[in-house]
């Protein structure tokens, strides 16, 4: 049976890991390479590093981040933030990243997804979708919109439609973040997650809202292939070995680690 993945996410600003609530109120959480090394040793399956200021400042910090992380890690990791061209993606992958993550650039120019998939393979292309709930009139079905530029700019896109388009363009995976749930620790937006998992066949990483181990189990039951968390791990509110033991006890297939998950 396909193992479900636990994926710590490290949002990086000015070379430091930060975390807030709903993309605001950021506080320092440590050095990205050092935290990555710790998570790998604890049994994380993959890591995601997102430079959350790169798009705003039009900086090219992703290559330096990839180089620093690659020196410390032996598990797959994704680098995203400000990548807008195939050349930048090539440099990040050459620097040691296993996958590249794109968000704003993919919305601005959807052809970039297919171009990246053709050049590097679909397995190396992760499209991040930052979704927010729209509140329809009584009786209408729920819907979600898409924001870009680190959640600061609305688009006209519908999240479900955009997820389908992303898959059709050749992306190998979707990183789905609920802006409404981000940092709240009240649980993943399962309604959103089910809608996306039913709409696409590529793996979906659930993000936004994890607070307890049962939230991860709920995300996997809703169709997620992987579940991501940030502050929950950064501030040691939940340890990865404990989480994996709990999931295994509930029948969720997870990768075994040396200390006996």
Protein backbone atom coordinates (compact mmCIF):
# COMPACT_ATOMS: atom_id res chain seq x y z
CA UNK A 1 0.00 0.00 0.00
CA UNK A 2 1.25 3.47 -0.89
CA UNK A 3 2.72 5.18 2.16
CA UNK A 4 1.28 8.49 3.28
CA UNK A 5 3.88 11.21 3.67
CA UNK A 6 4.52 13.64 6.51
CA UNK A 7 6.00 16.87 5.16
CA UNK A 8 7.28 19.70 7.34
CA UNK A 9 7.10 23.05 5.57
CA UNK A 10 9.63 25.77 6.22
CA UNK A 11 8.63 29.27 5.14
CA UNK A 12 11.83 31.27 4.71
CA UNK A 13 12.18 35.03 4.94
CA UNK A 14 15.60 36.69 4.73
CA UNK A 15 17.31 33.36 5.36
CA UNK A 16 15.30 32.44 8.48
CA UNK A 17 12.33 30.14 8.97
CA UNK A 18 9.21 32.07 10.00
CA UNK A 19 5.61 31.17 10.77
CA UNK A 20 2.42 33.13 11.31
CA UNK A 21 -1.35 32.80 11.10
CA UNK A 22 -3.14 33.18 7.77
CA UNK A 23 0.16 34.37 6.26
CA UNK A 24 0.49 37.24 8.78
CA UNK A 25 2.14 37.92 12.16
CA UNK A 26 5.33 36.05 11.28
CA UNK A 27 7.74 34.97 14.04
CA UNK A 28 11.20 33.46 13.82
CA UNK A 29 11.54 29.67 14.03
CA UNK A 30 15.21 29.03 13.23
CA UNK A 31 17.74 28.23 10.53
CA UNK A 32 16.25 26.38 7.53
CA UNK A 33 19.12 23.95 6.91
CA UNK A 34 19.46 23.07 10.59
CA UNK A 35 15.72 22.53 11.03
CA UNK A 36 15.67 20.46 7.88
CA UNK A 37 18.43 18.21 9.22
CA UNK A 38 16.51 17.70 12.47
CA UNK A 39 13.27 16.82 10.68
CA UNK A 40 15.05 14.37 8.40
CA UNK A 41 16.55 12.62 11.43
CA UNK A 42 13.11 12.45 13.07
CA UNK A 43 11.59 10.62 10.10
CA UNK A 44 10.09 13.32 7.88
CA UNK A 45 9.40 11.88 4.43
CA UNK A 46 10.03 15.08 2.49
CA UNK A 47 10.54 18.77 3.17
CA UNK A 48 9.19 21.88 1.49
CA UNK A 49 11.07 25.18 1.65
CA UNK A 50 9.21 28.27 0.47
CA UNK A 51 10.87 31.67 0.23
CA UNK A 52 7.76 33.69 1.04
CA UNK A 53 9.29 37.07 0.24
CA UNK A 54 11.00 36.18 -3.03
CA UNK A 55 7.97 36.94 -5.19
CA UNK A 56 7.33 40.28 -3.52
CA UNK A 57 10.92 41.47 -3.73
CA UNK A 58 11.69 39.83 -7.08
CA UNK A 59 14.81 38.34 -5.49
CA UNK A 60 16.57 35.12 -6.53
CA UNK A 61 17.33 33.51 -3.20
CA UNK A 62 16.13 30.00 -4.02
CA UNK A 63 19.47 28.75 -5.38
CA UNK A 64 21.36 29.75 -2.23
CA UNK A 65 18.68 28.13 -0.11
CA UNK A 66 18.84 24.89 -2.13
CA UNK A 67 22.62 24.74 -1.80
CA UNK A 68 22.50 25.21 1.97
CA UNK A 69 19.78 22.62 2.45
CA UNK A 70 21.35 20.02 0.15
CA UNK A 71 24.49 19.99 2.30
CA UNK A 72 22.42 18.83 5.28
CA UNK A 73 19.70 16.54 3.89
CA UNK A 74 19.37 13.01 2.60
CA UNK A 75 15.59 13.07 1.98
CA UNK A 76 13.74 14.68 -0.95
CA UNK A 77 12.99 18.37 -0.72
CA UNK A 78 11.15 20.99 -2.72
CA UNK A 79 12.24 24.59 -3.15
CA UNK A 80 9.81 27.33 -4.14
CA UNK A 81 9.63 31.08 -4.08
CA UNK A 82 10.07 33.57 -6.89
CA UNK A 83 10.87 31.02 -9.60
CA UNK A 84 9.73 32.48 -12.90
CA UNK A 85 11.83 30.85 -15.60
CA UNK A 86 13.12 27.46 -16.67
CA UNK A 87 16.67 28.65 -16.13
CA UNK A 88 15.97 29.52 -12.50
CA UNK A 89 14.34 26.14 -12.01
CA UNK A 90 17.30 24.38 -13.59
CA UNK A 91 19.68 26.20 -11.24
CA UNK A 92 17.66 25.22 -8.17
CA UNK A 93 17.50 21.57 -9.22
CA UNK A 94 21.20 21.61 -10.06
CA UNK A 95 21.86 23.06 -6.60
CA UNK A 96 20.35 19.95 -5.04
CA UNK A 97 16.57 20.29 -4.85
CA UNK A 98 14.51 17.28 -5.93
CA UNK A 99 11.47 19.33 -6.93
CA UNK A 100 10.62 22.93 -7.67
CA UNK A 101 7.49 24.67 -6.46
CA UNK A 102 5.75 27.37 -8.46
CA UNK A 103 2.66 29.40 -7.64
CA UNK A 104 2.40 33.02 -8.79
CA UNK A 105 4.42 32.41 -11.95
CA UNK A 106 2.18 29.47 -12.90
CA UNK A 107 -0.94 31.62 -12.57
CA UNK A 108 0.64 34.45 -14.55
CA UNK A 109 1.78 32.10 -17.33
CA UNK A 110 0.23 28.61 -17.18
CA UNK A 111 2.40 27.42 -20.08
CA UNK A 112 5.32 27.52 -17.65
CA UNK A 113 3.92 24.37 -16.00
CA UNK A 114 4.01 22.32 -19.19
CA UNK A 115 7.39 23.74 -20.19
CA UNK A 116 8.85 22.77 -16.82
CA UNK A 117 7.29 19.30 -16.97
CA UNK A 118 8.69 18.75 -20.45
CA UNK A 119 12.17 19.91 -19.41
CA UNK A 120 12.52 18.36 -15.95
CA UNK A 121 9.77 15.73 -15.78
CA UNK A 122 6.36 16.00 -14.14
CA UNK A 123 7.71 14.41 -10.96
CA UNK A 124 9.86 17.50 -10.36
CA UNK A 125 7.05 20.05 -10.76
CA UNK A 126 4.91 20.97 -7.76
CA UNK A 127 2.27 23.65 -8.23
CA UNK A 128 1.29 25.39 -5.01
CA UNK A 129 -2.28 26.64 -4.77
CA UNK A 130 -3.22 29.10 -2.03
CA UNK A 131 -6.99 28.81 -1.69
CA UNK A 132 -9.51 30.85 0.26
CA UNK A 133 -13.16 30.14 0.89
CA UNK A 134 -15.80 32.12 -0.92
CA UNK A 135 -19.14 32.42 0.83
CA UNK A 136 -21.94 31.78 -1.69
CA UNK A 137 -25.57 32.75 -1.37
CA UNK A 138 -27.83 30.37 0.55
CA UNK A 139 -28.23 27.09 -1.24
CA UNK A 140 -25.27 27.49 -3.59
CA UNK A 141 -22.42 24.97 -3.41
CA UNK A 142 -19.17 25.98 -1.69
CA UNK A 143 -16.39 27.48 -3.74
CA UNK A 144 -12.81 28.59 -3.25
CA UNK A 145 -10.75 31.25 -4.92
CA UNK A 146 -7.01 31.44 -5.58
CA UNK A 147 -4.58 34.04 -4.27
CA UNK A 148 -0.99 34.68 -5.37
CA UNK A 149 1.99 36.71 -4.16
CA UNK A 150 2.16 34.99 -0.77
CA UNK A 151 -1.60 35.22 -0.34
CA UNK A 152 -1.81 38.97 -0.83
CA UNK A 153 -3.41 39.19 -4.28
CA UNK A 154 -6.77 37.77 -5.37
CA UNK A 155 -7.28 36.22 -8.79
CA UNK A 156 -10.40 35.37 -10.75
CA UNK A 157 -9.55 31.67 -10.65
CA UNK A 158 -11.71 28.99 -9.09
CA UNK A 159 -9.55 26.58 -7.09
CA UNK A 160 -11.11 23.37 -8.43
CA UNK A 161 -10.90 24.55 -12.04
CA UNK A 162 -7.32 25.69 -11.53
CA UNK A 163 -6.34 22.35 -10.00
CA UNK A 164 -7.70 20.54 -13.06
CA UNK A 165 -5.81 22.92 -15.36
CA UNK A 166 -2.60 22.38 -13.39
CA UNK A 167 -2.89 18.63 -13.79
CA UNK A 168 -3.66 18.93 -17.50
CA UNK A 169 -0.58 21.12 -17.95
CA UNK A 170 1.66 18.36 -16.60
CA UNK A 171 2.27 19.14 -12.93
CA UNK A 172 3.23 16.08 -10.90
CA UNK A 173 1.81 17.25 -7.60
CA UNK A 174 -0.34 19.95 -6.01
CA UNK A 175 0.50 21.66 -2.73
CA UNK A 176 -2.93 22.81 -1.56
CA UNK A 177 -2.96 25.41 1.22
CA UNK A 178 -6.10 26.71 2.88
CA UNK A 179 -5.38 30.34 3.69
CA UNK A 180 -8.38 30.36 6.02
CA UNK A 181 -6.90 27.53 8.10
CA UNK A 182 -3.20 28.46 7.85
CA UNK A 183 -1.63 28.51 11.32
CA UNK A 184 -4.97 28.10 13.12
CA UNK A 185 -4.39 24.47 14.24
CA UNK A 186 -8.11 23.72 14.00
CA UNK A 187 -7.71 21.08 11.29
CA UNK A 188 -7.38 20.95 7.54
CA UNK A 189 -10.22 22.25 5.36
CA UNK A 190 -11.53 18.78 4.55
CA UNK A 191 -14.27 20.05 2.26
CA UNK A 192 -11.72 21.85 0.12
CA UNK A 193 -9.37 18.89 0.23
CA UNK A 194 -12.04 16.41 -0.88
CA UNK A 195 -13.11 18.69 -3.72
CA UNK A 196 -9.57 18.87 -5.10
CA UNK A 197 -8.72 15.20 -4.56
CA UNK A 198 -11.90 14.21 -6.40
CA UNK A 199 -11.10 16.60 -9.26
CA UNK A 200 -7.54 15.43 -9.98
CA UNK A 201 -5.61 12.18 -10.06
CA UNK A 202 -2.14 13.54 -9.20
CA UNK A 203 -0.97 13.56 -5.56
CA UNK A 204 -2.26 16.37 -3.36
CA UNK A 205 -0.38 17.66 -0.31
CA UNK A 206 -2.78 19.01 2.32
CA UNK A 207 -1.65 22.21 3.99
CA UNK A 208 -3.10 24.69 6.44
CA UNK A 209 -4.66 23.98 9.83
CA UNK A 210 -2.89 20.95 11.31
CA UNK A 211 -2.98 21.01 15.09
CA UNK A 212 -3.28 17.41 16.31
CA UNK A 213 -2.40 13.97 15.01
CA UNK A 214 -6.00 13.12 14.16
CA UNK A 215 -6.07 16.05 11.74
CA UNK A 216 -3.46 14.25 9.63
CA UNK A 217 -5.52 11.05 9.66
CA UNK A 218 -8.56 13.06 8.53
CA UNK A 219 -6.59 14.57 5.66
CA UNK A 220 -5.46 11.17 4.46
CA UNK A 221 -9.01 9.84 4.70
CA UNK A 222 -10.12 12.80 2.56
CA UNK A 223 -7.72 11.74 -0.20
CA UNK A 224 -4.45 13.53 0.50
CA UNK A 225 -1.25 11.70 -0.41
CA UNK A 226 0.77 13.82 2.00
CA UNK A 227 0.05 16.21 4.85
CA UNK A 228 2.11 19.26 5.65
CA UNK A 229 2.59 21.29 8.81
CA UNK A 230 4.87 24.08 9.95
CA UNK A 231 4.56 25.69 13.40
CA UNK A 232 3.27 22.43 14.87
CA UNK A 233 6.72 20.95 14.21
CA UNK A 234 8.82 24.12 14.49
CA UNK A 235 7.73 24.80 18.05
CA UNK A 236 7.71 21.10 19.03
CA UNK A 237 4.02 20.91 19.76
CA UNK A 238 3.97 17.56 17.96
CA UNK A 239 7.00 15.40 17.27
CA UNK A 240 7.18 13.51 13.98
CA UNK A 241 7.97 10.09 15.58
CA UNK A 242 4.95 10.45 17.89
CA UNK A 243 2.75 11.48 14.99
CA UNK A 244 3.81 8.50 12.91
CA UNK A 245 3.27 6.08 15.76
CA UNK A 246 -0.22 7.47 16.27
CA UNK A 247 -1.06 7.26 12.57
CA UNK A 248 0.25 3.70 12.34
CA UNK A 249 -1.93 2.72 15.30
CA UNK A 250 -4.93 4.05 13.35
CA UNK A 251 -4.07 1.94 10.32
CA UNK A 252 -2.59 4.76 8.23
CA UNK A 253 0.32 3.41 6.15
CA UNK A 254 3.40 5.45 6.98
CA UNK A 255 7.10 4.92 6.40
CA UNK A 256 8.75 3.13 9.30
CA UNK A 257 11.69 4.84 10.99
CA UNK A 258 14.51 3.41 13.03
CA UNK A 259 13.14 4.19 16.49
CA UNK A 260 10.17 1.96 15.97
CA UNK A 261 7.15 3.74 14.57
